[in-house]
Amino acid sequence: MKISVFTVITPEFTPEEVVKRLAHLRYEGVEWRVVTVLKENEQETSFWKGNKCTLSLETLEEKADYIKGITEAV
């Protein structure tokens, strides 16, 4: 069995910070939260709004290789 984290529970961390922390804690996977990010929701940091670890649906294709790289690097 693999242990992973859904990034909705890590609103205060960036993707780079999350993968480092998960590797340190010996997690084996990460499930990225991917949504259409609304600018008006970026003011406050919470699970569903302003989550720094949420990947934007609009830029996912262009950032996919980068996200894959940081995920596999740790």
C-alpha atoms as a PDB file:
ATOM      1  CA  MET A   1       0.000   0.000   0.000  1.00  0.00           C
ATOM      2  CA  LYS A   2       1.239   3.498  -0.843  1.00  0.00           C
ATOM      3  CA  ILE A   3       0.628   6.456   1.425  1.00  0.00           C
ATOM      4  CA  SER A   4      -0.070   9.784  -0.291  1.00  0.00           C
ATOM      5  CA  VAL A   5      -1.462  13.255   0.359  1.00  0.00           C
ATOM      6  CA  PHE A   6      -4.111  15.252  -1.501  1.00  0.00           C
ATOM      7  CA  THR A   7      -2.746  18.793  -1.681  1.00  0.00           C
ATOM      8  CA  VAL A   8      -6.012  20.405  -0.613  1.00  0.00           C
ATOM      9  CA  ILE A   9      -4.737  19.800   2.950  1.00  0.00           C
ATOM     10  CA  THR A  10      -1.521  21.764   2.348  1.00  0.00           C
ATOM     11  CA  PRO A  11      -2.789  25.275   1.526  1.00  0.00           C
ATOM     12  CA  GLU A  12       0.161  27.098   3.079  1.00  0.00           C
ATOM     13  CA  PHE A  13       2.866  25.307   1.058  1.00  0.00           C
ATOM     14  CA  THR A  14       4.010  25.657  -2.555  1.00  0.00           C
ATOM     15  CA  PRO A  15       4.339  22.543  -4.739  1.00  0.00           C
ATOM     16  CA  GLU A  16       8.114  22.608  -4.200  1.00  0.00           C
ATOM     17  CA  GLU A  17       7.710  22.736  -0.424  1.00  0.00           C
ATOM     18  CA  VAL A  18       5.110  19.966  -0.426  1.00  0.00           C
ATOM     19  CA  VAL A  19       7.216  17.436  -2.307  1.00  0.00           C
ATOM     20  CA  LYS A  20      10.212  18.065  -0.026  1.00  0.00           C
ATOM     21  CA  ARG A  21       8.114  17.704   3.118  1.00  0.00           C
ATOM     22  CA  LEU A  22       6.364  14.577   1.854  1.00  0.00           C
ATOM     23  CA  ALA A  23       9.682  12.966   0.935  1.00  0.00           C
ATOM     24  CA  HIS A  24      11.069  13.805   4.380  1.00  0.00           C
ATOM     25  CA  LEU A  25       8.016  12.182   5.990  1.00  0.00           C
ATOM     26  CA  ARG A  26       8.390   9.144   3.674  1.00  0.00           C
ATOM     27  CA  TYR A  27       5.124   9.579   1.837  1.00  0.00           C
ATOM     28  CA  GLU A  28       5.085   7.725  -1.459  1.00  0.00           C
ATOM     29  CA  GLY A  29       2.764   9.869  -3.518  1.00  0.00           C
ATOM     30  CA  VAL A  30       0.984  13.157  -3.977  1.00  0.00           C
ATOM     31  CA  GLU A  31      -2.429  13.846  -5.489  1.00  0.00           C
ATOM     32  CA  TRP A  32      -2.361  17.340  -6.915  1.00  0.00           C
ATOM     33  CA  ARG A  33      -5.426  19.554  -6.602  1.00  0.00           C
ATOM     34  CA  VAL A  34      -6.134  20.950 -10.082  1.00  0.00           C
ATOM     35  CA  VAL A  35      -8.863  23.567 -10.584  1.00  0.00           C
ATOM     36  CA  THR A  36      -9.647  26.779 -12.381  1.00  0.00           C
ATOM     37  CA  VAL A  37      -8.042  29.319 -10.057  1.00  0.00           C
ATOM     38  CA  LEU A  38     -10.145  32.433  -9.547  1.00  0.00           C
ATOM     39  CA  LYS A  39      -8.144  35.612  -8.846  1.00  0.00           C
ATOM     40  CA  GLU A  40     -10.652  36.822  -6.253  1.00  0.00           C
ATOM     41  CA  ASN A  41     -10.040  33.639  -4.236  1.00  0.00           C
ATOM     42  CA  GLU A  42      -6.281  34.174  -3.933  1.00  0.00           C
ATOM     43  CA  GLN A  43      -6.511  36.775  -1.142  1.00  0.00           C
ATOM     44  CA  GLU A  44      -6.923  34.374   1.766  1.00  0.00           C
ATOM     45  CA  THR A  45      -5.096  31.092   2.308  1.00  0.00           C
ATOM     46  CA  SER A  46      -7.372  28.165   3.089  1.00  0.00           C
ATOM     47  CA  PHE A  47      -8.096  24.659   1.863  1.00  0.00           C
ATOM     48  CA  TRP A  48     -10.414  25.727  -0.968  1.00  0.00           C
ATOM     49  CA  LYS A  49      -9.364  29.336  -1.621  1.00  0.00           C
ATOM     50  CA  GLY A  50      -5.869  30.739  -2.009  1.00  0.00           C
ATOM     51  CA  ASN A  51      -4.311  27.284  -1.681  1.00  0.00           C
ATOM     52  CA  LYS A  52      -0.646  27.785  -2.675  1.00  0.00           C
ATOM     53  CA  CYS A  53      -0.348  24.159  -3.728  1.00  0.00           C
ATOM     54  CA  THR A  54      -3.292  24.143  -6.127  1.00  0.00           C
ATOM     55  CA  LEU A  55      -2.311  23.701  -9.760  1.00  0.00           C
ATOM     56  CA  SER A  56      -4.165  25.882 -12.231  1.00  0.00           C
ATOM     57  CA  LEU A  57      -6.139  23.989 -14.858  1.00  0.00           C
ATOM     58  CA  GLU A  58      -5.376  26.753 -17.360  1.00  0.00           C
ATOM     59  CA  THR A  59      -1.583  26.352 -17.069  1.00  0.00           C
ATOM     60  CA  LEU A  60      -1.391  22.654 -16.249  1.00  0.00           C
ATOM     61  CA  GLU A  61      -0.239  21.525 -19.676  1.00  0.00           C
ATOM     62  CA  GLU A  62       2.667  23.983 -19.792  1.00  0.00           C
ATOM     63  CA  LYS A  63       3.723  23.200 -16.196  1.00  0.00           C
ATOM     64  CA  ALA A  64       3.212  19.425 -16.332  1.00  0.00           C
ATOM     65  CA  ASP A  65       6.850  18.540 -17.036  1.00  0.00           C
ATOM     66  CA  TYR A  66       8.046  20.818 -14.227  1.00  0.00           C
ATOM     67  CA  ILE A  67       5.586  19.341 -11.701  1.00  0.00           C
ATOM     68  CA  LYS A  68       6.535  15.831 -12.786  1.00  0.00           C
ATOM     69  CA  GLY A  69      10.208  16.722 -12.375  1.00  0.00           C
ATOM     70  CA  ILE A  70       9.933  18.092  -8.843  1.00  0.00           C
ATOM     71  CA  THR A  71       7.716  15.182  -7.843  1.00  0.00           C
ATOM     72  CA  GLU A  72      10.159  12.565  -9.111  1.00  0.00           C
ATOM     73  CA  ALA A  73      13.264  14.389  -7.834  1.00  0.00           C
ATOM     74  CA  VAL A  74      12.568  13.641  -4.175  1.00  0.00           C
END
